[in-house]
Amino acid sequence: MDRTLKALSLLLSYPSTELQEAMPEIAAVLARDARIEASHRAALQTLTENLAQGDIYALQEGYVMLFDRSRSLSLNLFEHVHGESRDRGGAMVSLIETYREGGVEPATSELPDHLPVLLEFLSMRPFAEAQDILADAAHILDALGTRLERRESGYADVFKALSQLSGTQPDAEALTEMLAQPDDDPTDLEALDAVWEETEVTFGPDPNGGCPQVRDMLAGMDAPTTPLNRSA
């Protein structure tokens, strides 16, 4: 199991008191991974400290404003590729089949292309396979990181780490095209309502909302792992 990918998945999950309690362990995992540059590891330590010590309600509100009320920062990756086209549904089905072939049955209220869900799955795959998938999404990861950096959000450092783990440079043309799209206004509730009306398709059960996979993900944090500086 790749504990770094699991840790990064947890950092991008909806904040909870349970997750706050796990931040010291998450921070320790990231601090030991030499695949991530020292400057990025230091920035991630700051993020984990802020998430551990912050007021839970303020953290949750900030998370929703960033990732749920801003379509340009959506953690549902296919939204940045397919938007609301029919191709997105086919891509979702294909991704679910990929999970199942890997021995994972999605059991979360989130869509299968939700980045924390994908990272949790990749943490259980050989790193070379995980790296290939991250490389395919490199332009999306870099665009999200750049947008978060513009908003001076510590979450930007998670995407910097993921870009580094991908082992590749993003497609410059695709990245430029993504960044040319205007950022939406998370305070525009009318626009948000329109988005919700468009996206009513769900995949899998919806147990109590939030990010219900967090408990299972935390349970695996102390599972035996291969060395963190492995290359495959």
C-alpha atoms as a PDB file:
ATOM      1  CA  MET A   1       0.000   0.000   0.000  1.00  0.00           C
ATOM      2  CA  ASP A   2       1.254   3.486  -0.872  1.00  0.00           C
ATOM      3  CA  ARG A   3       0.659   5.385   2.356  1.00  0.00           C
ATOM      4  CA  THR A   4       1.503   8.756   0.781  1.00  0.00           C
ATOM      5  CA  LEU A   5      -1.321   8.517  -1.744  1.00  0.00           C
ATOM      6  CA  LYS A   6      -3.640   7.465   1.073  1.00  0.00           C
ATOM      7  CA  ALA A   7      -2.487  10.430   3.172  1.00  0.00           C
ATOM      8  CA  LEU A   8      -3.035  12.871   0.293  1.00  0.00           C
ATOM      9  CA  SER A   9      -6.476  11.366  -0.275  1.00  0.00           C
ATOM     10  CA  LEU A  10      -7.358  12.040   3.339  1.00  0.00           C
ATOM     11  CA  LEU A  11      -6.077  15.618   3.160  1.00  0.00           C
ATOM     12  CA  LEU A  12      -8.525  16.257   0.310  1.00  0.00           C
ATOM     13  CA  SER A  13     -11.451  14.678   2.167  1.00  0.00           C
ATOM     14  CA  TYR A  14     -14.220  16.626   3.888  1.00  0.00           C
ATOM     15  CA  PRO A  15     -12.889  17.755   7.296  1.00  0.00           C
ATOM     16  CA  SER A  16     -14.125  15.910  10.380  1.00  0.00           C
ATOM     17  CA  THR A  17     -13.020  15.630  13.995  1.00  0.00           C
ATOM     18  CA  GLU A  18     -11.920  12.069  13.247  1.00  0.00           C
ATOM     19  CA  LEU A  19      -9.730  13.343  10.437  1.00  0.00           C
ATOM     20  CA  GLN A  20      -8.318  16.079  12.668  1.00  0.00           C
ATOM     21  CA  GLU A  21      -7.217  13.465  15.190  1.00  0.00           C
ATOM     22  CA  ALA A  22      -5.410  11.568  12.438  1.00  0.00           C
ATOM     23  CA  MET A  23      -3.445  14.603  11.191  1.00  0.00           C
ATOM     24  CA  PRO A  24      -0.259  13.862  13.198  1.00  0.00           C
ATOM     25  CA  GLU A  25      -0.042  10.401  11.617  1.00  0.00           C
ATOM     26  CA  ILE A  26      -0.819  11.792   8.166  1.00  0.00           C
ATOM     27  CA  ALA A  27       1.871  14.433   8.653  1.00  0.00           C
ATOM     28  CA  ALA A  28       4.413  11.789   9.679  1.00  0.00           C
ATOM     29  CA  VAL A  29       3.733   9.733   6.546  1.00  0.00           C
ATOM     30  CA  LEU A  30       4.236  12.725   4.260  1.00  0.00           C
ATOM     31  CA  ALA A  31       7.327  13.950   6.095  1.00  0.00           C
ATOM     32  CA  ARG A  32       9.131  10.657   5.387  1.00  0.00           C
ATOM     33  CA  ASP A  33       8.458  10.434   1.651  1.00  0.00           C
ATOM     34  CA  ALA A  34      11.598  11.445  -0.241  1.00  0.00           C
ATOM     35  CA  ARG A  35       9.704  11.304  -3.555  1.00  0.00           C
ATOM     36  CA  ILE A  36       8.284  14.724  -2.627  1.00  0.00           C
ATOM     37  CA  GLU A  37      10.649  17.689  -2.568  1.00  0.00           C
ATOM     38  CA  ALA A  38      11.561  18.978   0.887  1.00  0.00           C
ATOM     39  CA  SER A  39       9.908  22.358   0.278  1.00  0.00           C
ATOM     40  CA  HIS A  40       6.611  20.687  -0.654  1.00  0.00           C
ATOM     41  CA  ARG A  41       6.827  18.386   2.377  1.00  0.00           C
ATOM     42  CA  ALA A  42       7.320  21.407   4.628  1.00  0.00           C
ATOM     43  CA  ALA A  43       4.264  23.097   3.099  1.00  0.00           C
ATOM     44  CA  LEU A  44       2.198  19.947   3.647  1.00  0.00           C
ATOM     45  CA  GLN A  45       3.240  19.924   7.305  1.00  0.00           C
ATOM     46  CA  THR A  46       1.818  23.443   7.630  1.00  0.00           C
ATOM     47  CA  LEU A  47      -1.421  22.301   6.015  1.00  0.00           C
ATOM     48  CA  THR A  48      -1.766  19.320   8.355  1.00  0.00           C
ATOM     49  CA  GLU A  49      -1.158  21.557  11.368  1.00  0.00           C
ATOM     50  CA  ASN A  50      -3.804  24.017  10.217  1.00  0.00           C
ATOM     51  CA  LEU A  51      -6.301  21.219   9.628  1.00  0.00           C
ATOM     52  CA  ALA A  52      -5.522  19.647  13.004  1.00  0.00           C
ATOM     53  CA  GLN A  53      -5.827  22.858  15.001  1.00  0.00           C
ATOM     54  CA  GLY A  54      -8.506  24.775  13.110  1.00  0.00           C
ATOM     55  CA  ASP A  55     -12.121  25.194  14.165  1.00  0.00           C
ATOM     56  CA  ILE A  56     -13.931  22.251  12.576  1.00  0.00           C
ATOM     57  CA  TYR A  57     -16.902  24.317  11.437  1.00  0.00           C
ATOM     58  CA  ALA A  58     -14.676  26.924   9.801  1.00  0.00           C
ATOM     59  CA  LEU A  59     -12.679  24.178   8.090  1.00  0.00           C
ATOM     60  CA  GLN A  60     -15.830  22.527   6.772  1.00  0.00           C
ATOM     61  CA  GLU A  61     -17.242  25.818   5.520  1.00  0.00           C
ATOM     62  CA  GLY A  62     -13.974  26.645   3.790  1.00  0.00           C
ATOM     63  CA  TYR A  63     -13.857  23.205   2.168  1.00  0.00           C
ATOM     64  CA  VAL A  64     -17.400  23.542   0.827  1.00  0.00           C
ATOM     65  CA  MET A  65     -16.717  27.029  -0.517  1.00  0.00           C
ATOM     66  CA  LEU A  66     -13.640  25.796  -2.365  1.00  0.00           C
ATOM     67  CA  PHE A  67     -14.566  22.407  -3.718  1.00  0.00           C
ATOM     68  CA  ASP A  68     -18.366  22.176  -3.663  1.00  0.00           C
ATOM     69  CA  ARG A  69     -19.375  25.704  -4.605  1.00  0.00           C
ATOM     70  CA  SER A  70     -16.683  26.333  -7.181  1.00  0.00           C
ATOM     71  CA  ARG A  71     -17.033  24.251 -10.304  1.00  0.00           C
ATOM     72  CA  SER A  72     -13.579  25.253 -11.523  1.00  0.00           C
ATOM     73  CA  LEU A  73     -12.159  23.620  -8.371  1.00  0.00           C
ATOM     74  CA  SER A  74     -14.338  20.521  -8.445  1.00  0.00           C
ATOM     75  CA  LEU A  75     -12.621  17.386  -7.162  1.00  0.00           C
ATOM     76  CA  ASN A  76     -14.688  15.348  -9.650  1.00  0.00           C
ATOM     77  CA  LEU A  77     -12.040  15.004 -12.338  1.00  0.00           C
ATOM     78  CA  PHE A  78     -14.280  14.092 -15.259  1.00  0.00           C
ATOM     79  CA  GLU A  79     -16.145  17.363 -14.822  1.00  0.00           C
ATOM     80  CA  HIS A  80     -13.020  19.126 -16.090  1.00  0.00           C
ATOM     81  CA  VAL A  81     -12.785  16.767 -19.075  1.00  0.00           C
ATOM     82  CA  HIS A  82     -16.368  16.051 -20.124  1.00  0.00           C
ATOM     83  CA  GLY A  83     -18.458  18.669 -18.311  1.00  0.00           C
ATOM     84  CA  GLU A  84     -22.080  17.494 -18.406  1.00  0.00           C
ATOM     85  CA  SER A  85     -21.803  15.681 -21.735  1.00  0.00           C
ATOM     86  CA  ARG A  86     -22.938  12.097 -22.189  1.00  0.00           C
ATOM     87  CA  ASP A  87     -19.308  11.051 -22.449  1.00  0.00           C
ATOM     88  CA  ARG A  88     -18.955  11.665 -18.732  1.00  0.00           C
ATOM     89  CA  GLY A  89     -21.444   8.912 -17.905  1.00  0.00           C
ATOM     90  CA  GLY A  90     -19.555   6.401 -20.018  1.00  0.00           C
ATOM     91  CA  ALA A  91     -16.278   7.404 -18.412  1.00  0.00           C
ATOM     92  CA  MET A  92     -17.851   6.912 -14.965  1.00  0.00           C
ATOM     93  CA  VAL A  93     -18.980   3.399 -15.831  1.00  0.00           C
ATOM     94  CA  SER A  94     -15.530   2.558 -17.186  1.00  0.00           C
ATOM     95  CA  LEU A  95     -13.887   3.844 -14.009  1.00  0.00           C
ATOM     96  CA  ILE A  96     -16.216   1.813 -11.789  1.00  0.00           C
ATOM     97  CA  GLU A  97     -15.259  -1.288 -13.775  1.00  0.00           C
ATOM     98  CA  THR A  98     -11.592  -0.422 -13.256  1.00  0.00           C
ATOM     99  CA  TYR A  99     -12.207  -0.280  -9.501  1.00  0.00           C
ATOM    100  CA  ARG A 100     -13.986  -3.622  -9.554  1.00  0.00           C
ATOM    101  CA  GLU A 101     -11.264  -5.264 -11.621  1.00  0.00           C
ATOM    102  CA  GLY A 102      -8.848  -4.044  -8.950  1.00  0.00           C
ATOM    103  CA  GLY A 103     -10.930  -5.731  -6.252  1.00  0.00           C
ATOM    104  CA  VAL A 104     -12.621  -2.556  -4.976  1.00  0.00           C
ATOM    105  CA  GLU A 105     -16.379  -2.060  -4.858  1.00  0.00           C
ATOM    106  CA  PRO A 106     -17.141   1.683  -4.622  1.00  0.00           C
ATOM    107  CA  ALA A 107     -19.222   2.325  -1.484  1.00  0.00           C
ATOM    108  CA  THR A 108     -19.396   6.075  -1.043  1.00  0.00           C
ATOM    109  CA  SER A 109     -21.763   8.955  -1.660  1.00  0.00           C
ATOM    110  CA  GLU A 110     -19.102  10.556  -3.867  1.00  0.00           C
ATOM    111  CA  LEU A 111     -18.847   9.987  -7.606  1.00  0.00           C
ATOM    112  CA  PRO A 112     -16.190   7.489  -8.706  1.00  0.00           C
ATOM    113  CA  ASP A 113     -14.087  10.246 -10.298  1.00  0.00           C
ATOM    114  CA  HIS A 114     -13.911  12.143  -6.976  1.00  0.00           C
ATOM    115  CA  LEU A 115     -10.181  12.665  -6.466  1.00  0.00           C
ATOM    116  CA  PRO A 116      -9.988  11.375  -2.845  1.00  0.00           C
ATOM    117  CA  VAL A 117     -11.806   8.199  -3.963  1.00  0.00           C
ATOM    118  CA  LEU A 118      -9.437   7.742  -6.912  1.00  0.00           C
ATOM    119  CA  LEU A 119      -6.358   8.326  -4.736  1.00  0.00           C
ATOM    120  CA  GLU A 120      -7.593   5.779  -2.199  1.00  0.00           C
ATOM    121  CA  PHE A 121      -7.875   3.233  -5.011  1.00  0.00           C
ATOM    122  CA  LEU A 122      -4.458   4.144  -6.434  1.00  0.00           C
ATOM    123  CA  SER A 123      -2.889   3.724  -2.991  1.00  0.00           C
ATOM    124  CA  MET A 124      -3.707   0.013  -3.279  1.00  0.00           C
ATOM    125  CA  ARG A 125      -2.238  -0.404  -6.780  1.00  0.00           C
ATOM    126  CA  PRO A 126       1.417  -0.793  -7.846  1.00  0.00           C
ATOM    127  CA  PHE A 127       3.014   2.634  -7.876  1.00  0.00           C
ATOM    128  CA  ALA A 128       3.930   2.415 -11.570  1.00  0.00           C
ATOM    129  CA  GLU A 129       0.229   1.946 -12.383  1.00  0.00           C
ATOM    130  CA  ALA A 130      -0.806   4.757 -10.050  1.00  0.00           C
ATOM    131  CA  GLN A 131       1.826   7.038 -11.562  1.00  0.00           C
ATOM    132  CA  ASP A 132       0.534   6.414 -15.085  1.00  0.00           C
ATOM    133  CA  ILE A 133      -2.986   7.447 -14.047  1.00  0.00           C
ATOM    134  CA  LEU A 134      -1.706  10.540 -12.243  1.00  0.00           C
ATOM    135  CA  ALA A 135       0.300  11.428 -15.362  1.00  0.00           C
ATOM    136  CA  ASP A 136      -2.849  11.219 -17.493  1.00  0.00           C
ATOM    137  CA  ALA A 137      -4.474  13.769 -15.164  1.00  0.00           C
ATOM    138  CA  ALA A 138      -1.385  15.958 -14.758  1.00  0.00           C
ATOM    139  CA  HIS A 139      -2.872  18.987 -16.535  1.00  0.00           C
ATOM    140  CA  ILE A 140      -5.992  18.830 -14.328  1.00  0.00           C
ATOM    141  CA  LEU A 141      -3.913  18.498 -11.159  1.00  0.00           C
ATOM    142  CA  ASP A 142      -1.695  21.429 -12.139  1.00  0.00           C
ATOM    143  CA  ALA A 143      -4.669  23.598 -13.084  1.00  0.00           C
ATOM    144  CA  LEU A 144      -6.396  22.934  -9.768  1.00  0.00           C
ATOM    145  CA  GLY A 145      -3.160  23.594  -7.887  1.00  0.00           C
ATOM    146  CA  THR A 146      -2.663  26.895  -9.711  1.00  0.00           C
ATOM    147  CA  ARG A 147      -6.240  28.006  -9.026  1.00  0.00           C
ATOM    148  CA  LEU A 148      -5.899  27.128  -5.341  1.00  0.00           C
ATOM    149  CA  GLU A 149      -2.600  28.987  -5.169  1.00  0.00           C
ATOM    150  CA  ARG A 150      -4.331  32.063  -6.592  1.00  0.00           C
ATOM    151  CA  ARG A 151      -6.768  31.817  -3.687  1.00  0.00           C
ATOM    152  CA  GLU A 152      -3.857  31.405  -1.258  1.00  0.00           C
ATOM    153  CA  SER A 153      -5.176  28.021  -0.132  1.00  0.00           C
ATOM    154  CA  GLY A 154      -2.915  25.509   1.585  1.00  0.00           C
ATOM    155  CA  TYR A 155      -4.674  22.770  -0.372  1.00  0.00           C
ATOM    156  CA  ALA A 156      -2.592  23.879  -3.367  1.00  0.00           C
ATOM    157  CA  ASP A 157       0.362  22.018  -1.859  1.00  0.00           C
ATOM    158  CA  VAL A 158      -1.494  18.696  -2.093  1.00  0.00           C
ATOM    159  CA  PHE A 159      -1.739  19.161  -5.856  1.00  0.00           C
ATOM    160  CA  LYS A 160       1.918  20.149  -6.104  1.00  0.00           C
ATOM    161  CA  ALA A 161       2.816  16.886  -4.381  1.00  0.00           C
ATOM    162  CA  LEU A 162       0.536  14.904  -6.689  1.00  0.00           C
ATOM    163  CA  SER A 163       2.056  16.570  -9.750  1.00  0.00           C
ATOM    164  CA  GLN A 164       5.502  15.602  -8.512  1.00  0.00           C
ATOM    165  CA  LEU A 165       4.431  12.012  -7.867  1.00  0.00           C
ATOM    166  CA  SER A 166       3.046  11.824 -11.412  1.00  0.00           C
ATOM    167  CA  GLY A 167       6.623  12.030 -12.663  1.00  0.00           C
ATOM    168  CA  THR A 168       5.691  14.061 -15.725  1.00  0.00           C
ATOM    169  CA  GLN A 169       5.088  17.572 -16.966  1.00  0.00           C
ATOM    170  CA  PRO A 170       1.480  18.364 -17.909  1.00  0.00           C
ATOM    171  CA  ASP A 171       0.430  18.955 -21.493  1.00  0.00           C
ATOM    172  CA  ALA A 172       1.075  22.680 -21.831  1.00  0.00           C
ATOM    173  CA  GLU A 173      -1.736  23.299 -24.318  1.00  0.00           C
ATOM    174  CA  ALA A 174      -4.313  21.434 -22.214  1.00  0.00           C
ATOM    175  CA  LEU A 175      -3.172  23.249 -19.063  1.00  0.00           C
ATOM    176  CA  THR A 176      -3.380  26.658 -20.753  1.00  0.00           C
ATOM    177  CA  GLU A 177      -6.859  25.848 -22.027  1.00  0.00           C
ATOM    178  CA  MET A 178      -8.052  24.889 -18.546  1.00  0.00           C
ATOM    179  CA  LEU A 179      -6.572  27.967 -16.908  1.00  0.00           C
ATOM    180  CA  ALA A 180      -8.181  30.185 -19.559  1.00  0.00           C
ATOM    181  CA  GLN A 181     -11.585  29.234 -18.174  1.00  0.00           C
ATOM    182  CA  PRO A 182     -12.844  31.835 -15.652  1.00  0.00           C
ATOM    183  CA  ASP A 183     -13.074  30.864 -12.001  1.00  0.00           C
ATOM    184  CA  ASP A 184     -16.647  30.773 -10.762  1.00  0.00           C
ATOM    185  CA  ASP A 185     -17.937  32.719  -7.794  1.00  0.00           C
ATOM    186  CA  PRO A 186     -18.748  30.407  -4.842  1.00  0.00           C
ATOM    187  CA  THR A 187     -21.079  33.050  -3.423  1.00  0.00           C
ATOM    188  CA  ASP A 188     -23.289  33.002  -6.535  1.00  0.00           C
ATOM    189  CA  LEU A 189     -26.038  30.767  -5.132  1.00  0.00           C
ATOM    190  CA  GLU A 190     -28.207  31.060  -8.247  1.00  0.00           C
ATOM    191  CA  ALA A 191     -25.433  29.601 -10.393  1.00  0.00           C
ATOM    192  CA  LEU A 192     -24.842  26.902  -7.784  1.00  0.00           C
ATOM    193  CA  ASP A 193     -28.514  25.905  -7.866  1.00  0.00           C
ATOM    194  CA  ALA A 194     -28.278  25.567 -11.646  1.00  0.00           C
ATOM    195  CA  VAL A 195     -25.304  23.216 -11.286  1.00  0.00           C
ATOM    196  CA  TRP A 196     -27.155  21.058  -8.745  1.00  0.00           C
ATOM    197  CA  GLU A 197     -30.149  20.791 -11.081  1.00  0.00           C
ATOM    198  CA  GLU A 198     -27.855  19.543 -13.856  1.00  0.00           C
ATOM    199  CA  THR A 199     -26.089  16.854 -11.797  1.00  0.00           C
ATOM    200  CA  GLU A 200     -28.640  14.471 -10.352  1.00  0.00           C
ATOM    201  CA  VAL A 201     -27.039  11.194 -11.462  1.00  0.00           C
ATOM    202  CA  THR A 202     -25.546   9.216  -8.569  1.00  0.00           C
ATOM    203  CA  PHE A 203     -23.274   6.190  -8.531  1.00  0.00           C
ATOM    204  CA  GLY A 204     -23.396   3.859  -5.541  1.00  0.00           C
ATOM    205  CA  PRO A 205     -25.079   4.281  -2.153  1.00  0.00           C
ATOM    206  CA  ASP A 206     -25.435   7.572  -0.312  1.00  0.00           C
ATOM    207  CA  PRO A 207     -24.811   6.819   3.364  1.00  0.00           C
ATOM    208  CA  ASN A 208     -25.320  10.019   5.348  1.00  0.00           C
ATOM    209  CA  GLY A 209     -23.501  12.315   2.927  1.00  0.00           C
ATOM    210  CA  GLY A 210     -20.092  13.843   3.637  1.00  0.00           C
ATOM    211  CA  CYS A 211     -17.135  11.583   2.833  1.00  0.00           C
ATOM    212  CA  PRO A 212     -18.068   8.214   4.395  1.00  0.00           C
ATOM    213  CA  GLN A 213     -14.987   6.412   3.124  1.00  0.00           C
ATOM    214  CA  VAL A 214     -12.802   8.331   5.603  1.00  0.00           C
ATOM    215  CA  ARG A 215     -13.265   5.852   8.464  1.00  0.00           C
ATOM    216  CA  ASP A 216     -12.151   2.904   6.331  1.00  0.00           C
ATOM    217  CA  MET A 217      -9.261   4.920   4.930  1.00  0.00           C
ATOM    218  CA  LEU A 218      -8.057   5.866   8.405  1.00  0.00           C
ATOM    219  CA  ALA A 219      -8.251   2.238   9.481  1.00  0.00           C
ATOM    220  CA  GLY A 220      -5.644   1.344   6.878  1.00  0.00           C
ATOM    221  CA  MET A 221      -3.126   4.047   7.766  1.00  0.00           C
ATOM    222  CA  ASP A 222      -1.056   1.688   9.933  1.00  0.00           C
ATOM    223  CA  ALA A 223      -1.158  -1.254   7.497  1.00  0.00           C
ATOM    224  CA  PRO A 224       2.233  -2.781   6.523  1.00  0.00           C
ATOM    225  CA  THR A 225       3.736  -0.965   3.556  1.00  0.00           C
ATOM    226  CA  THR A 226       6.707  -1.076   1.233  1.00  0.00           C
ATOM    227  CA  PRO A 227       9.411   1.629   1.635  1.00  0.00           C
ATOM    228  CA  LEU A 228       8.140   5.116   0.945  1.00  0.00           C
ATOM    229  CA  ASN A 229      10.956   5.969  -1.436  1.00  0.00           C
ATOM    230  CA  ARG A 230      10.258   3.089  -3.791  1.00  0.00           C
ATOM    231  CA  SER A 231      10.149   3.858  -7.521  1.00  0.00           C
ATOM    232  CA  ALA A 232       7.718   1.088  -8.457  1.00  0.00           C
END
